[in-house]
Each structure stands twice: as C-alpha cells, then as structure tokens.
N, C-alpha and C. Protein backbone atom coordinates (compact mmCIF):
# COMPACT_ATOMS: atom_id res chain seq x y z
N ARG A 1 12.79 3.65 7.22
CA ARG A 1 13.00 4.11 8.56
C ARG A 1 14.22 3.41 9.15
N TRP A 2 14.89 4.09 10.01
CA TRP A 2 16.01 3.51 10.74
C TRP A 2 15.47 2.81 11.98
N VAL A 3 15.90 1.59 12.21
CA VAL A 3 15.45 0.80 13.35
C VAL A 3 16.15 1.30 14.61
N ARG A 4 15.37 1.69 15.60
CA ARG A 4 15.93 2.23 16.84
C ARG A 4 16.28 1.14 17.84
N GLU A 5 15.52 0.05 17.85
CA GLU A 5 15.77 -1.05 18.76
C GLU A 5 15.63 -2.36 17.99
N SER A 6 16.49 -3.32 18.26
CA SER A 6 16.40 -4.63 17.62
C SER A 6 15.07 -5.28 17.96
N PHE A 7 14.51 -6.02 16.99
CA PHE A 7 13.26 -6.74 17.24
C PHE A 7 13.19 -7.93 16.29
N ALA A 8 12.23 -8.80 16.54
CA ALA A 8 12.00 -9.95 15.67
C ALA A 8 10.61 -9.82 15.05
N PHE A 9 10.51 -10.15 13.78
CA PHE A 9 9.23 -10.11 13.07
C PHE A 9 9.09 -11.42 12.31
N GLU A 10 8.05 -12.19 12.68
CA GLU A 10 7.79 -13.49 12.05
C GLU A 10 9.05 -14.35 12.01
N GLY A 11 9.78 -14.36 13.12
CA GLY A 11 10.97 -15.19 13.24
C GLY A 11 12.24 -14.62 12.64
N MET A 12 12.15 -13.45 12.04
CA MET A 12 13.33 -12.83 11.43
C MET A 12 13.80 -11.68 12.33
N GLY A 13 15.08 -11.71 12.67
CA GLY A 13 15.63 -10.66 13.50
C GLY A 13 15.97 -9.42 12.69
N VAL A 14 15.63 -8.27 13.23
CA VAL A 14 15.95 -6.98 12.60
C VAL A 14 16.84 -6.22 13.56
N PRO A 15 18.12 -6.05 13.21
CA PRO A 15 19.06 -5.41 14.15
C PRO A 15 18.88 -3.90 14.23
N ARG A 16 19.25 -3.38 15.39
CA ARG A 16 19.24 -1.94 15.62
C ARG A 16 20.12 -1.24 14.58
N SER A 17 19.76 -0.05 14.18
CA SER A 17 20.48 0.80 13.22
C SER A 17 20.40 0.31 11.78
N SER A 18 19.58 -0.71 11.51
CA SER A 18 19.41 -1.10 10.11
C SER A 18 18.30 -0.25 9.49
N PHE A 19 18.24 -0.22 8.17
CA PHE A 19 17.23 0.55 7.47
C PHE A 19 16.09 -0.38 7.10
N LEU A 20 14.88 0.00 7.42
CA LEU A 20 13.70 -0.81 7.17
C LEU A 20 12.79 -0.07 6.20
N HIS A 21 12.36 -0.77 5.17
CA HIS A 21 11.54 -0.15 4.13
C HIS A 21 10.35 -1.03 3.82
N LEU A 22 9.17 -0.45 3.76
CA LEU A 22 7.97 -1.17 3.36
C LEU A 22 7.92 -1.17 1.84
N CYS A 23 7.93 -2.32 1.25
CA CYS A 23 7.94 -2.45 -0.22
C CYS A 23 6.50 -2.47 -0.74
N THR A 24 5.92 -1.29 -0.89
CA THR A 24 4.53 -1.17 -1.29
C THR A 24 4.28 -1.79 -2.66
N ARG A 25 5.15 -1.52 -3.61
CA ARG A 25 4.96 -2.07 -4.96
C ARG A 25 4.91 -3.59 -4.93
N GLU A 26 5.82 -4.20 -4.21
CA GLU A 26 5.86 -5.65 -4.13
C GLU A 26 4.64 -6.20 -3.41
N ALA A 27 4.19 -5.51 -2.36
CA ALA A 27 3.02 -5.96 -1.62
C ALA A 27 1.77 -5.93 -2.50
N HIS A 28 1.69 -5.00 -3.43
CA HIS A 28 0.53 -4.88 -4.30
C HIS A 28 0.58 -5.86 -5.47
N ARG A 29 1.59 -6.70 -5.52
CA ARG A 29 1.71 -7.69 -6.59
C ARG A 29 1.49 -9.10 -6.07
N ASN A 30 0.86 -9.23 -4.92
CA ASN A 30 0.61 -10.53 -4.31
C ASN A 30 -0.51 -11.23 -5.08
N PRO A 31 -0.21 -12.37 -5.75
CA PRO A 31 -1.24 -13.06 -6.53
C PRO A 31 -2.37 -13.62 -5.68
N ALA A 32 -2.16 -13.79 -4.38
CA ALA A 32 -3.25 -14.25 -3.52
C ALA A 32 -4.30 -13.16 -3.34
N VAL A 33 -3.89 -11.91 -3.44
CA VAL A 33 -4.81 -10.78 -3.31
C VAL A 33 -5.25 -10.27 -4.67
N PHE A 34 -4.30 -10.16 -5.60
CA PHE A 34 -4.56 -9.64 -6.94
C PHE A 34 -4.24 -10.72 -7.97
N PRO A 35 -5.24 -11.49 -8.41
CA PRO A 35 -4.96 -12.49 -9.45
C PRO A 35 -4.36 -11.80 -10.68
N GLU A 36 -3.37 -12.41 -11.26
CA GLU A 36 -2.64 -11.86 -12.40
C GLU A 36 -2.19 -10.42 -12.10
N PRO A 37 -1.32 -10.24 -11.13
CA PRO A 37 -0.94 -8.89 -10.69
C PRO A 37 -0.22 -8.05 -11.74
N ASP A 38 0.37 -8.67 -12.76
CA ASP A 38 1.08 -7.91 -13.79
C ASP A 38 0.16 -7.44 -14.92
N ARG A 39 -1.10 -7.88 -14.89
CA ARG A 39 -2.05 -7.48 -15.93
C ARG A 39 -2.78 -6.21 -15.49
N PHE A 40 -2.89 -5.24 -16.40
CA PHE A 40 -3.63 -4.01 -16.11
C PHE A 40 -5.11 -4.36 -16.07
N ASP A 41 -5.73 -4.22 -14.91
CA ASP A 41 -7.13 -4.61 -14.75
C ASP A 41 -7.81 -3.70 -13.72
N PRO A 42 -8.26 -2.53 -14.15
CA PRO A 42 -8.93 -1.63 -13.20
C PRO A 42 -10.22 -2.21 -12.65
N GLN A 43 -10.80 -3.19 -13.32
CA GLN A 43 -12.05 -3.80 -12.86
C GLN A 43 -11.87 -4.52 -11.52
N ARG A 44 -10.64 -4.87 -11.17
CA ARG A 44 -10.42 -5.58 -9.91
C ARG A 44 -10.81 -4.73 -8.70
N PHE A 45 -10.96 -3.42 -8.90
CA PHE A 45 -11.34 -2.53 -7.80
C PHE A 45 -12.83 -2.24 -7.77
N VAL A 46 -13.57 -2.64 -8.79
CA VAL A 46 -15.00 -2.36 -8.87
C VAL A 46 -15.76 -3.28 -7.92
N GLY A 47 -16.51 -2.69 -7.02
CA GLY A 47 -17.33 -3.46 -6.11
C GLY A 47 -16.57 -4.22 -5.05
N ARG A 48 -15.31 -3.91 -4.85
CA ARG A 48 -14.51 -4.60 -3.84
C ARG A 48 -13.66 -3.58 -3.09
N THR A 49 -13.52 -3.79 -1.80
CA THR A 49 -12.63 -2.97 -1.00
C THR A 49 -11.52 -3.87 -0.47
N TYR A 50 -10.37 -3.29 -0.24
CA TYR A 50 -9.21 -4.01 0.26
C TYR A 50 -8.83 -3.46 1.62
N ASP A 51 -8.40 -4.33 2.52
CA ASP A 51 -7.93 -3.83 3.81
C ASP A 51 -6.52 -3.28 3.66
N ALA A 52 -6.06 -2.58 4.67
CA ALA A 52 -4.75 -1.92 4.60
C ALA A 52 -3.60 -2.92 4.48
N ASP A 53 -3.80 -4.15 4.93
CA ASP A 53 -2.75 -5.17 4.79
C ASP A 53 -2.61 -5.64 3.35
N SER A 54 -3.65 -5.46 2.54
CA SER A 54 -3.63 -5.92 1.15
C SER A 54 -3.31 -4.81 0.15
N TYR A 55 -3.81 -3.61 0.42
CA TYR A 55 -3.64 -2.52 -0.54
C TYR A 55 -3.52 -1.20 0.22
N ALA A 56 -2.36 -0.60 0.15
CA ALA A 56 -2.11 0.66 0.88
C ALA A 56 -1.26 1.58 0.01
N PRO A 57 -1.83 2.15 -1.05
CA PRO A 57 -1.03 2.97 -1.96
C PRO A 57 -0.48 4.25 -1.35
N PHE A 58 -1.05 4.69 -0.23
CA PHE A 58 -0.58 5.93 0.39
C PHE A 58 0.19 5.68 1.68
N GLY A 59 0.53 4.45 1.96
CA GLY A 59 1.25 4.11 3.18
C GLY A 59 0.31 3.67 4.27
N LEU A 60 0.87 3.46 5.46
CA LEU A 60 0.10 2.93 6.58
C LEU A 60 0.25 3.77 7.83
N GLY A 61 -0.78 3.76 8.64
CA GLY A 61 -0.72 4.36 9.96
C GLY A 61 -0.33 5.83 9.96
N HIS A 62 0.49 6.20 10.94
CA HIS A 62 0.87 7.61 11.05
C HIS A 62 1.92 8.01 10.02
N HIS A 63 2.38 7.04 9.22
CA HIS A 63 3.31 7.35 8.12
C HIS A 63 2.56 7.53 6.80
N ARG A 64 1.24 7.49 6.85
CA ARG A 64 0.42 7.64 5.65
C ARG A 64 0.58 9.04 5.07
N CYS A 65 0.51 9.14 3.77
CA CYS A 65 0.63 10.42 3.09
C CYS A 65 -0.41 11.41 3.63
N VAL A 66 0.02 12.61 3.96
CA VAL A 66 -0.90 13.60 4.53
C VAL A 66 -1.93 14.08 3.52
N ALA A 67 -1.65 13.93 2.24
CA ALA A 67 -2.58 14.40 1.21
C ALA A 67 -3.40 13.25 0.60
N ALA A 68 -3.39 12.08 1.21
CA ALA A 68 -4.07 10.92 0.64
C ALA A 68 -5.56 11.18 0.38
N ASP A 69 -6.27 11.72 1.36
CA ASP A 69 -7.70 11.97 1.19
C ASP A 69 -7.95 12.99 0.08
N LEU A 70 -7.12 14.01 0.01
CA LEU A 70 -7.25 15.03 -1.04
C LEU A 70 -7.04 14.40 -2.42
N VAL A 71 -6.04 13.56 -2.55
CA VAL A 71 -5.74 12.93 -3.84
C VAL A 71 -6.91 12.04 -4.28
N VAL A 72 -7.48 11.28 -3.36
CA VAL A 72 -8.62 10.42 -3.70
C VAL A 72 -9.81 11.26 -4.15
N ARG A 73 -10.09 12.34 -3.43
CA ARG A 73 -11.21 13.22 -3.82
C ARG A 73 -10.97 13.87 -5.17
N LEU A 74 -9.75 14.36 -5.40
CA LEU A 74 -9.44 14.98 -6.69
C LEU A 74 -9.53 13.96 -7.83
N GLY A 75 -9.05 12.76 -7.58
CA GLY A 75 -9.15 11.71 -8.59
C GLY A 75 -10.59 11.40 -8.94
N ALA A 76 -11.45 11.32 -7.93
CA ALA A 76 -12.88 11.07 -8.17
C ALA A 76 -13.50 12.22 -8.94
N LEU A 77 -13.12 13.44 -8.62
CA LEU A 77 -13.62 14.62 -9.33
C LEU A 77 -13.23 14.60 -10.81
N VAL A 78 -11.96 14.24 -11.08
CA VAL A 78 -11.48 14.16 -12.47
C VAL A 78 -12.29 13.11 -13.24
N VAL A 79 -12.47 11.95 -12.66
CA VAL A 79 -13.22 10.89 -13.33
C VAL A 79 -14.66 11.32 -13.57
N GLU A 80 -15.25 11.99 -12.60
CA GLU A 80 -16.63 12.47 -12.74
C GLU A 80 -16.73 13.49 -13.88
N GLU A 81 -15.79 14.40 -13.95
CA GLU A 81 -15.81 15.41 -15.00
C GLU A 81 -15.58 14.79 -16.39
N LEU A 82 -14.72 13.80 -16.45
CA LEU A 82 -14.48 13.11 -17.73
C LEU A 82 -15.70 12.35 -18.20
N ALA A 83 -16.41 11.77 -17.24
CA ALA A 83 -17.62 10.99 -17.59
C ALA A 83 -18.74 11.94 -17.98
C-alpha cells in the first residue's frame, strides 16, 4: 500500500508516499511462534489455533482475501474426501 500520511510505528518513521508491504512469509517464520520454522511440520497446527498477529495466510482486516473462507472450506472438503 502507498502511505497517504507520515506516521511512526514502534519508533520507526514511515514517510508519506512510501510503499508499505506486510511481509506475510517472514512473519510466519517467527521461531517464537513456530519452533523450527524452516521444517515442514503440519502437526504444529493440530489442536492449536493462532491469532491474526501470529498467523494470517490470507491477510488482515479489510485487506483480507475475499475468498479466504471459501478456500478453507474447499481445503477441508478435499482432505475429507481423501481420507
């Protein structure tokens, strides 16, 4: 997104007209949230939920993917049919 007005976030200034991007991939590699983030481990999602600050594969807030709920339902359907 293009920044419309200058602001400060956690002590860092963000100037007007700069481009701001949420680095979702990098956020999902936080070892404090995901131990061994580079290891493929689907079990880390079993029996645990993550808040939007920790895991947001479809984006956040009003910028969230419009098809997110559909994708989750279709994914669950595929897994159910495979099982």
